Amino acid sequence: MKIFLLFMPLLMFNSSFYLFLLSSSISMLFYLFFIVKNFNTQITSNLMMMDPLSMSLTMLSYLTFIMIFMSTNMDKEAKLLLSLILILLIITFTLSKTMMFYIFFEMILIPTLILITKKGNQPERLQAGMYLMMYTIIASLPLLLAILSYKSLESLFSSYLMIKKINLPLIFMLAFLAKTPMFMIHLWLPKAHVEAPLEGSMVLAAILLKLGGYGLIRFIPMSLHSMKSIPHWIISISMMGAILTSSGCIRQKDLKALIAYSSVAHMAVTLSSIMIFMKSSMNGVILMMIAHGISSSALFFLVNLTYNKFNTRNTISLKSTQLSHPNLTFWWFIFSMMNISAPPTLNLMGELLMSMTLIKWHIMNATIIFIITLMTTSFSLLIFLMLNHGKSMMKISKNDPMKFFLSLMIHLVMSIMIILKMEFMLM
């Protein structure tokens, strides 16, 4: 089974296998529904492991890469880089050795950097690649020193036996806080999103941001009793950061940068829920990571479709899309509503679980969550209204290839089908 999981990306090189991609995505979705729940106990070995968290993120990785291959027309080099990223992600999500986990956790940055700097279209892509490497590598050095210092920390599962042995929890968390990313160390993410090609943006939004949350869930238990006031600081910074980035989205004119900053706001609330580390908050975090991976990937794809038609991402220049491209208007409406967690999407359940936990942790979070929800709704509706209303001289152009709309349909079906059988996803 593990050999099949590792080498399945190599089957995706031929872009004519759309039927294979569609059937694979559907089969993976049902595999996620009915197989993940059977992993009630953790399956471990000396090197590999598999539990509901790693299995869910592995399936999300597969589904996302299937949709990326359906959504883009890439050359052979880009397909090779994406397949390498997928293999490294699967290895990272299924490793149990901490040192090996760190090596592959950092190794994912190499093909990502090449994808951004070599396949990007803008001259600022080199600066974006430098931002990515500097932020993530500098923040990861304390994690390497911590792993080398604690000789008994050989496996991720030994973390549950070391709750009172870690006195400096922040050194284990910095690498994952930068990758999530936490507000104030998030500046690499919008830059990388804007300068990356479509496949790079979809990978960053759907999978690579989830590595930070996955690492925090794995490493926080070993220092849970020695964190003291650290969760209070991180939750405060993250919640205020979510308000600031959401308010900045209202004034943002670049569509791609707007979606990138909205990802920062969503992941800030997710990070706050991780810091509480309760069962309900962990359920909400896992659901939100999967839901955000689906919705943000689709939004970046829609931005690329809009850019290919109008040759601009400036919201001021984009008007009256509902007259010239009614299909595009429909999908913008669907995923704008998904971005504000409208029912019956998976985002709704994740937001509800995280909001309830945050309010239970401190009643003042109710006001902050209300403001964040108001801001998110405002810029999501503003995007839709600015794109689809008003007057424009654009003529109706030819329709997009059917595979593009098939990819968007799979994004939507995944989000709705998962929420219909929620008991399979809850811990």
Protein backbone atom coordinates (compact mmCIF):
# COMPACT_ATOMS: atom_id res chain seq x y z
CA MET A 1 0.00 0.00 0.00
CA LYS A 2 2.80 2.43 0.88
CA ILE A 3 4.63 1.67 -2.39
CA PHE A 4 1.40 2.44 -4.30
CA LEU A 5 0.97 5.72 -2.41
CA LEU A 6 4.52 6.82 -3.19
CA PHE A 7 4.60 5.98 -6.89
CA MET A 8 1.05 6.86 -7.88
CA PRO A 9 2.09 10.48 -8.82
CA LEU A 10 4.22 9.09 -11.63
CA LEU A 11 1.04 7.89 -13.36
CA MET A 12 -0.13 11.48 -13.78
CA PHE A 13 2.46 12.63 -16.33
CA ASN A 14 0.22 12.08 -19.34
CA SER A 15 -2.25 14.97 -19.28
CA SER A 16 -4.69 13.01 -21.48
CA PHE A 17 -5.72 10.75 -18.56
CA TYR A 18 -8.59 12.97 -17.45
CA LEU A 19 -10.89 10.00 -17.00
CA PHE A 20 -8.24 8.38 -14.82
CA LEU A 21 -7.89 11.58 -12.80
CA LEU A 22 -11.64 11.88 -12.27
CA SER A 23 -12.07 8.25 -11.24
CA SER A 24 -9.01 8.52 -8.98
CA SER A 25 -10.38 11.58 -7.22
CA ILE A 26 -13.76 9.95 -6.60
CA SER A 27 -12.19 6.71 -5.39
CA MET A 28 -9.83 8.65 -3.11
CA LEU A 29 -12.77 10.55 -1.66
CA PHE A 30 -14.66 7.36 -0.80
CA TYR A 31 -11.43 5.87 0.51
CA LEU A 32 -11.17 8.86 2.82
CA PHE A 33 -14.76 8.35 4.02
CA PHE A 34 -14.78 4.66 4.74
CA ILE A 35 -11.16 3.69 5.43
CA VAL A 36 -9.90 6.50 7.65
CA LYS A 37 -12.40 5.64 10.36
CA ASN A 38 -10.95 2.15 10.60
CA PHE A 39 -7.66 3.60 11.86
CA ASN A 40 -8.87 3.80 15.44
CA THR A 41 -5.43 2.75 16.66
CA GLN A 42 -2.14 4.13 15.44
CA ILE A 43 -0.25 1.86 13.08
CA THR A 44 3.46 2.33 13.70
CA SER A 45 6.80 0.84 12.77
CA ASN A 46 10.41 1.86 13.31
CA LEU A 47 10.19 4.45 10.57
CA MET A 48 6.61 4.88 9.32
CA MET A 49 3.25 5.54 10.98
CA MET A 50 -0.38 6.01 10.01
CA ASP A 51 -3.20 7.50 12.04
CA PRO A 52 -6.39 9.45 11.16
CA LEU A 53 -4.54 12.80 10.99
CA SER A 54 -1.75 11.65 8.68
CA MET A 55 -4.19 9.61 6.60
CA SER A 56 -6.54 12.57 6.12
CA LEU A 57 -3.73 14.90 5.04
CA THR A 58 -2.28 12.25 2.74
CA MET A 59 -5.65 11.84 1.02
CA LEU A 60 -5.99 15.64 0.81
CA SER A 61 -2.57 15.77 -0.86
CA TYR A 62 -3.62 13.21 -3.47
CA LEU A 63 -6.92 14.88 -4.22
CA THR A 64 -5.30 18.30 -4.49
CA PHE A 65 -2.61 17.13 -6.87
CA ILE A 66 -5.18 15.32 -9.01
CA MET A 67 -7.11 18.59 -9.33
CA ILE A 68 -3.91 20.55 -10.04
CA PHE A 69 -3.11 18.23 -12.94
CA MET A 70 -6.65 18.71 -14.22
CA SER A 71 -6.56 22.49 -13.82
CA THR A 72 -3.30 23.39 -15.55
CA ASN A 73 -1.45 22.81 -18.79
CA MET A 74 2.05 22.22 -17.48
CA ASP A 75 5.26 21.19 -19.17
CA LYS A 76 7.11 18.04 -18.22
CA GLU A 77 9.48 19.82 -15.81
CA ALA A 78 6.64 21.33 -13.79
CA LYS A 79 4.94 17.93 -13.59
CA LEU A 80 8.18 16.41 -12.33
CA LEU A 81 8.51 19.08 -9.63
CA LEU A 82 4.90 18.61 -8.52
CA SER A 83 5.28 14.83 -8.38
CA LEU A 84 8.44 15.27 -6.28
CA ILE A 85 6.59 17.60 -3.90
CA LEU A 86 3.76 15.07 -3.55
CA ILE A 87 6.15 12.19 -2.79
CA LEU A 88 7.99 14.29 -0.18
CA LEU A 89 4.68 15.32 1.39
CA ILE A 90 3.48 11.74 1.72
CA ILE A 91 6.79 10.71 3.30
CA THR A 92 6.61 13.64 5.72
CA PHE A 93 3.03 12.87 6.78
CA THR A 94 3.86 9.19 7.39
CA LEU A 95 7.24 9.39 9.15
CA SER A 96 7.57 8.64 12.84
CA LYS A 97 11.27 9.48 13.37
CA THR A 98 11.71 13.11 14.40
CA MET A 99 15.05 13.62 12.62
CA MET A 100 13.77 12.12 9.38
CA PHE A 101 10.61 14.20 9.75
CA TYR A 102 12.71 17.37 10.03
CA ILE A 103 14.83 16.46 6.98
CA PHE A 104 11.85 15.86 4.71
CA PHE A 105 9.96 18.79 6.25
CA GLU A 106 12.74 21.08 5.02
CA MET A 107 13.42 19.17 1.79
CA ILE A 108 9.96 20.12 0.48
CA LEU A 109 11.19 23.71 0.23
CA ILE A 110 13.67 22.84 -2.55
CA PRO A 111 11.20 21.84 -5.32
CA THR A 112 8.82 24.55 -4.09
CA LEU A 113 11.55 27.17 -4.44
CA ILE A 114 12.41 25.93 -7.94
CA LEU A 115 8.74 25.97 -8.92
CA ILE A 116 8.31 29.59 -7.75
CA THR A 117 11.57 31.05 -9.06
CA LYS A 118 11.78 29.18 -12.36
CA LYS A 119 8.14 28.94 -13.41
CA GLY A 120 6.91 32.29 -12.10
CA ASN A 121 6.15 35.07 -14.58
CA GLN A 122 7.08 38.23 -12.68
CA PRO A 123 10.62 39.56 -12.08
CA GLU A 124 9.94 39.71 -8.32
CA ARG A 125 9.83 35.91 -8.13
CA LEU A 126 13.48 35.77 -6.99
CA GLN A 127 12.67 38.07 -4.09
CA ALA A 128 9.66 35.87 -3.24
CA GLY A 129 11.88 32.79 -3.24
CA MET A 130 14.36 34.55 -0.95
CA TYR A 131 11.54 35.50 1.44
CA LEU A 132 10.37 31.89 1.49
CA MET A 133 13.79 30.45 2.29
CA MET A 134 14.84 33.06 4.85
CA TYR A 135 11.65 32.97 6.91
CA THR A 136 11.25 29.21 6.97
CA ILE A 137 14.88 28.12 7.35
CA ILE A 138 15.76 30.65 10.08
CA ALA A 139 12.66 29.62 12.03
CA SER A 140 13.52 25.92 11.55
CA LEU A 141 17.03 26.09 13.06
CA PRO A 142 15.76 26.05 16.69
CA LEU A 143 13.75 22.91 15.89
CA LEU A 144 16.88 21.17 14.60
CA LEU A 145 18.84 22.16 17.73
CA ALA A 146 15.99 20.95 19.95
CA ILE A 147 15.81 17.57 18.21
CA LEU A 148 19.57 17.14 18.56
CA SER A 149 19.51 18.23 22.22
CA TYR A 150 16.80 15.85 23.44
CA LYS A 151 18.32 12.44 22.77
CA SER A 152 15.25 10.59 24.01
CA LEU A 153 13.04 12.31 21.42
CA GLU A 154 13.50 9.78 18.65
CA SER A 155 9.88 9.17 17.65
CA LEU A 156 6.87 11.44 17.35
CA PHE A 157 4.90 9.03 19.52
CA SER A 158 7.36 9.41 22.39
CA SER A 159 6.12 13.00 22.67
CA TYR A 160 3.16 11.82 24.73
CA LEU A 161 5.62 10.36 27.26
CA MET A 162 7.67 13.55 27.52
CA ILE A 163 5.03 16.03 28.59
CA LYS A 164 7.01 17.35 31.57
CA LYS A 165 10.51 17.04 30.09
CA ILE A 166 10.53 19.95 27.62
CA ASN A 167 11.25 23.29 29.29
CA LEU A 168 11.59 25.47 26.18
CA PRO A 169 8.50 24.75 24.09
CA LEU A 170 8.92 27.74 21.80
CA ILE A 171 11.98 26.23 20.11
CA PHE A 172 9.83 23.35 18.90
CA MET A 173 7.08 25.67 17.67
CA LEU A 174 8.89 28.40 15.71
CA ALA A 175 9.38 26.30 12.58
CA PHE A 176 5.70 25.42 12.43
CA LEU A 177 4.51 28.92 13.36
CA ALA A 178 6.42 30.32 10.38
CA LYS A 179 5.04 27.65 8.06
CA THR A 180 1.40 28.02 9.21
CA PRO A 181 2.03 31.10 9.04
CA MET A 182 1.54 33.11 12.21
CA PHE A 183 0.81 36.83 11.91
CA MET A 184 4.03 38.98 11.93
CA ILE A 185 6.04 36.16 10.37
CA HIS A 186 3.63 35.70 7.48
CA LEU A 187 5.11 38.14 4.98
CA TRP A 188 6.69 35.41 2.85
CA LEU A 189 3.31 33.86 2.04
CA PRO A 190 1.56 36.67 0.07
CA LYS A 191 4.80 37.31 -1.82
CA ALA A 192 5.18 33.63 -2.71
CA HIS A 193 1.51 33.33 -3.72
CA VAL A 194 1.56 36.37 -5.99
CA GLU A 195 4.78 35.43 -7.80
CA ALA A 196 4.18 31.66 -8.05
CA PRO A 197 2.51 30.08 -11.09
CA LEU A 198 -0.95 28.58 -10.73
CA GLU A 199 0.26 25.13 -9.69
CA GLY A 200 2.61 26.71 -7.13
CA SER A 201 -0.18 28.78 -5.58
CA MET A 202 -2.52 25.78 -5.39
CA VAL A 203 0.16 23.63 -3.72
CA LEU A 204 1.05 26.36 -1.22
CA ALA A 205 -2.57 27.03 -0.28
CA ALA A 206 -3.85 23.46 -0.22
CA ILE A 207 -0.99 21.47 1.30
CA LEU A 208 2.16 23.31 2.37
CA LEU A 209 0.37 25.58 4.84
CA LYS A 210 -1.03 22.46 6.50
CA LEU A 211 2.49 21.23 7.31
CA GLY A 212 2.71 23.87 10.03
CA GLY A 213 -0.54 22.78 11.66
CA TYR A 214 0.42 19.11 11.35
CA GLY A 215 3.77 19.75 13.06
CA LEU A 216 2.17 21.72 15.88
CA ILE A 217 -0.35 18.94 16.55
CA ARG A 218 2.51 16.43 16.70
CA PHE A 219 4.96 18.43 18.83
CA ILE A 220 2.75 20.42 21.23
CA PRO A 221 1.88 17.43 23.52
CA MET A 222 5.50 17.05 24.62
CA SER A 223 5.52 20.57 26.12
CA LEU A 224 1.87 21.02 27.03
CA HIS A 225 2.49 21.49 30.76
CA SER A 226 5.39 23.91 30.35
CA MET A 227 3.85 26.32 27.84
CA LYS A 228 2.46 28.63 30.56
CA SER A 229 1.57 31.96 28.92
CA ILE A 230 2.73 31.10 25.38
CA PRO A 231 -0.77 30.09 24.14
CA HIS A 232 -2.21 33.37 25.43
CA TRP A 233 0.33 35.39 23.45
CA ILE A 234 -0.05 33.33 20.27
CA ILE A 235 -3.86 33.38 20.41
CA SER A 236 -3.89 37.16 21.01
CA ILE A 237 -1.49 37.86 18.16
CA SER A 238 -3.29 35.47 15.81
CA MET A 239 -6.78 36.82 16.50
CA MET A 240 -5.68 40.43 16.08
CA GLY A 241 -3.75 39.41 12.98
CA ALA A 242 -6.89 37.84 11.53
CA ILE A 243 -8.75 41.13 12.01
CA LEU A 244 -5.95 43.19 10.44
CA THR A 245 -5.44 40.93 7.43
CA SER A 246 -9.20 40.66 6.83
CA SER A 247 -9.58 44.43 6.95
CA GLY A 248 -6.62 44.76 4.58
CA CYS A 249 -8.37 42.44 2.13
CA ILE A 250 -11.21 44.95 1.78
CA ARG A 251 -8.78 47.51 0.33
CA GLN A 252 -6.72 45.01 -1.67
CA LYS A 253 -7.00 45.37 -5.45
CA ASP A 254 -4.87 42.42 -6.60
CA LEU A 255 -7.09 39.33 -6.65
CA LYS A 256 -4.25 36.90 -6.01
CA ALA A 257 -2.86 38.91 -3.09
CA LEU A 258 -6.39 39.19 -1.69
CA ILE A 259 -6.87 35.40 -1.64
CA ALA A 260 -3.40 35.01 -0.11
CA TYR A 261 -4.17 37.40 2.76
CA SER A 262 -7.52 35.72 3.34
CA SER A 263 -5.60 32.44 3.76
CA VAL A 264 -3.50 34.14 6.45
CA ALA A 265 -6.69 35.17 8.26
CA HIS A 266 -8.18 31.67 8.11
CA MET A 267 -4.98 30.01 9.27
CA ALA A 268 -4.68 32.54 12.13
CA VAL A 269 -7.97 31.30 13.58
CA THR A 270 -6.82 27.71 13.00
CA LEU A 271 -3.56 28.40 14.86
CA SER A 272 -5.50 29.86 17.80
CA SER A 273 -7.58 26.68 18.02
CA ILE A 274 -4.46 24.51 17.94
CA MET A 275 -3.05 26.41 20.92
CA ILE A 276 -6.12 25.50 23.03
CA PHE A 277 -5.50 21.80 22.27
CA MET A 278 -8.93 20.42 23.19
CA LYS A 279 -10.68 17.58 21.41
CA SER A 280 -13.32 19.82 19.85
CA SER A 281 -10.72 22.36 18.74
CA MET A 282 -8.58 19.62 17.17
CA ASN A 283 -11.60 18.32 15.27
CA GLY A 284 -12.30 21.83 14.04
CA VAL A 285 -8.66 22.34 13.06
CA ILE A 286 -8.51 19.13 11.01
CA LEU A 287 -11.81 19.93 9.27
CA MET A 288 -10.74 23.50 8.60
CA MET A 289 -7.38 22.46 7.17
CA ILE A 290 -9.11 20.12 4.73
CA ALA A 291 -11.83 22.67 3.89
CA HIS A 292 -9.36 25.52 3.44
CA GLY A 293 -7.18 23.33 1.23
CA ILE A 294 -10.15 22.70 -1.06
CA SER A 295 -11.62 26.22 -1.16
CA SER A 296 -8.39 28.25 -1.44
CA SER A 297 -7.09 25.96 -4.19
CA ALA A 298 -10.30 26.56 -6.17
CA LEU A 299 -10.12 30.32 -5.59
CA PHE A 300 -6.56 30.54 -6.94
CA PHE A 301 -7.69 28.53 -9.94
CA LEU A 302 -10.54 30.98 -10.52
CA VAL A 303 -8.13 33.91 -10.27
CA ASN A 304 -5.98 32.28 -12.95
CA LEU A 305 -9.01 31.71 -15.22
CA THR A 306 -10.01 35.36 -14.80
CA TYR A 307 -6.48 36.56 -15.50
CA ASN A 308 -6.23 34.48 -18.69
CA LYS A 309 -9.42 36.11 -19.99
CA PHE A 310 -8.79 39.75 -19.05
CA ASN A 311 -4.96 39.87 -18.65
CA THR A 312 -5.32 41.68 -15.34
CA ARG A 313 -5.92 40.84 -11.69
CA ASN A 314 -6.95 44.36 -10.70
CA THR A 315 -10.50 44.32 -9.34
CA ILE A 316 -11.08 47.90 -10.57
CA SER A 317 -10.58 46.78 -14.18
CA LEU A 318 -12.82 43.71 -13.92
CA LYS A 319 -16.51 44.45 -14.41
CA SER A 320 -19.67 42.75 -15.64
CA THR A 321 -18.31 39.21 -15.80
CA GLN A 322 -21.84 37.85 -15.50
CA LEU A 323 -22.65 39.12 -19.00
CA SER A 324 -19.46 38.07 -20.75
CA HIS A 325 -18.65 34.86 -18.82
CA PRO A 326 -21.72 33.53 -16.94
CA ASN A 327 -20.04 30.18 -16.16
CA LEU A 328 -17.22 31.97 -14.39
CA THR A 329 -19.73 34.06 -12.42
CA PHE A 330 -21.42 30.92 -11.10
CA TRP A 331 -18.17 29.44 -9.83
CA TRP A 332 -17.07 32.73 -8.28
CA PHE A 333 -20.35 32.81 -6.38
CA ILE A 334 -20.01 29.20 -5.16
CA PHE A 335 -16.46 29.55 -3.86
CA SER A 336 -16.98 33.04 -2.47
CA MET A 337 -19.75 31.56 -0.35
CA MET A 338 -17.49 28.66 0.59
CA ASN A 339 -14.86 31.20 1.68
CA ILE A 340 -17.33 32.71 4.18
CA SER A 341 -18.29 29.23 5.46
CA ALA A 342 -21.80 29.14 4.10
CA PRO A 343 -23.73 25.87 4.49
CA PRO A 344 -23.60 23.09 3.44
CA THR A 345 -19.83 23.23 2.97
CA LEU A 346 -17.15 21.70 5.15
CA ASN A 347 -15.85 25.15 6.11
CA LEU A 348 -19.00 25.71 8.18
CA MET A 349 -18.39 22.77 10.52
CA GLY A 350 -14.73 23.66 11.00
CA GLU A 351 -15.58 27.29 11.79
CA LEU A 352 -18.33 26.28 14.24
CA LEU A 353 -16.11 23.89 16.20
CA MET A 354 -13.21 26.35 16.37
CA SER A 355 -15.45 29.29 17.30
CA MET A 356 -17.18 27.37 20.08
CA THR A 357 -13.84 26.31 21.55
CA LEU A 358 -12.35 29.80 21.37
CA ILE A 359 -15.42 31.34 23.02
CA LYS A 360 -15.34 28.67 25.71
CA TRP A 361 -11.67 29.45 26.32
CA HIS A 362 -12.41 33.18 26.78
CA ILE A 363 -15.68 35.02 26.32
CA MET A 364 -13.94 38.05 24.76
CA ASN A 365 -13.15 35.94 21.72
CA ALA A 366 -16.85 36.14 20.78
CA THR A 367 -16.42 39.82 19.84
CA ILE A 368 -13.23 39.13 17.90
CA ILE A 369 -14.79 36.21 16.01
CA PHE A 370 -17.80 38.38 15.14
CA ILE A 371 -15.49 41.06 13.70
CA ILE A 372 -13.46 38.47 11.75
CA THR A 373 -16.66 36.94 10.33
CA LEU A 374 -17.95 40.39 9.37
CA MET A 375 -14.69 41.31 7.65
CA THR A 376 -14.45 37.97 5.81
CA THR A 377 -18.03 38.26 4.58
CA SER A 378 -17.40 41.86 3.48
CA PHE A 379 -14.39 41.21 1.27
CA SER A 380 -15.81 37.97 -0.13
CA LEU A 381 -19.02 39.70 -1.22
CA LEU A 382 -17.00 42.68 -2.41
CA ILE A 383 -14.96 40.44 -4.72
CA PHE A 384 -18.07 38.93 -6.21
CA LEU A 385 -19.84 42.26 -6.70
CA MET A 386 -16.84 44.03 -8.23
CA LEU A 387 -16.15 41.18 -10.65
CA ASN A 388 -19.68 40.51 -11.83
CA HIS A 389 -21.56 43.83 -11.71
CA GLY A 390 -21.12 47.15 -13.42
CA LYS A 391 -20.61 48.02 -17.07
CA SER A 392 -17.96 46.57 -19.33
CA MET A 393 -17.11 46.64 -23.04
CA MET A 394 -15.95 43.02 -23.00
CA LYS A 395 -17.51 40.67 -25.53
CA ILE A 396 -18.49 37.09 -24.83
CA SER A 397 -15.45 34.90 -25.44
CA LYS A 398 -15.25 31.21 -26.21
CA ASN A 399 -15.86 28.76 -23.41
CA ASP A 400 -13.08 27.27 -21.33
CA PRO A 401 -12.12 23.59 -21.70
CA MET A 402 -14.51 21.25 -19.94
CA LYS A 403 -11.73 19.85 -17.72
CA PHE A 404 -11.45 23.23 -15.93
CA PHE A 405 -15.10 23.16 -14.86
CA LEU A 406 -14.74 19.47 -14.00
CA SER A 407 -11.93 20.40 -11.60
CA LEU A 408 -14.08 23.08 -9.95
CA MET A 409 -16.96 20.62 -9.65
CA ILE A 410 -14.72 18.13 -7.84
CA HIS A 411 -13.65 20.89 -5.43
CA LEU A 412 -17.31 21.55 -4.64
CA VAL A 413 -18.39 17.90 -4.41
CA MET A 414 -15.58 17.06 -1.99
CA SER A 415 -16.53 19.82 0.41
CA ILE A 416 -20.22 18.88 0.42
CA MET A 417 -19.82 15.09 0.53
CA ILE A 418 -17.50 15.17 3.54
CA ILE A 419 -19.95 17.20 5.64
CA LEU A 420 -22.71 14.65 4.91
CA LYS A 421 -20.80 11.99 6.87
CA MET A 422 -19.11 14.09 9.52
CA GLU A 423 -18.74 11.24 12.02
CA PHE A 424 -16.05 9.69 9.83
CA MET A 425 -13.87 12.78 10.18
CA LEU A 426 -14.19 13.52 13.89
CA MET A 427 -11.65 12.14 16.32
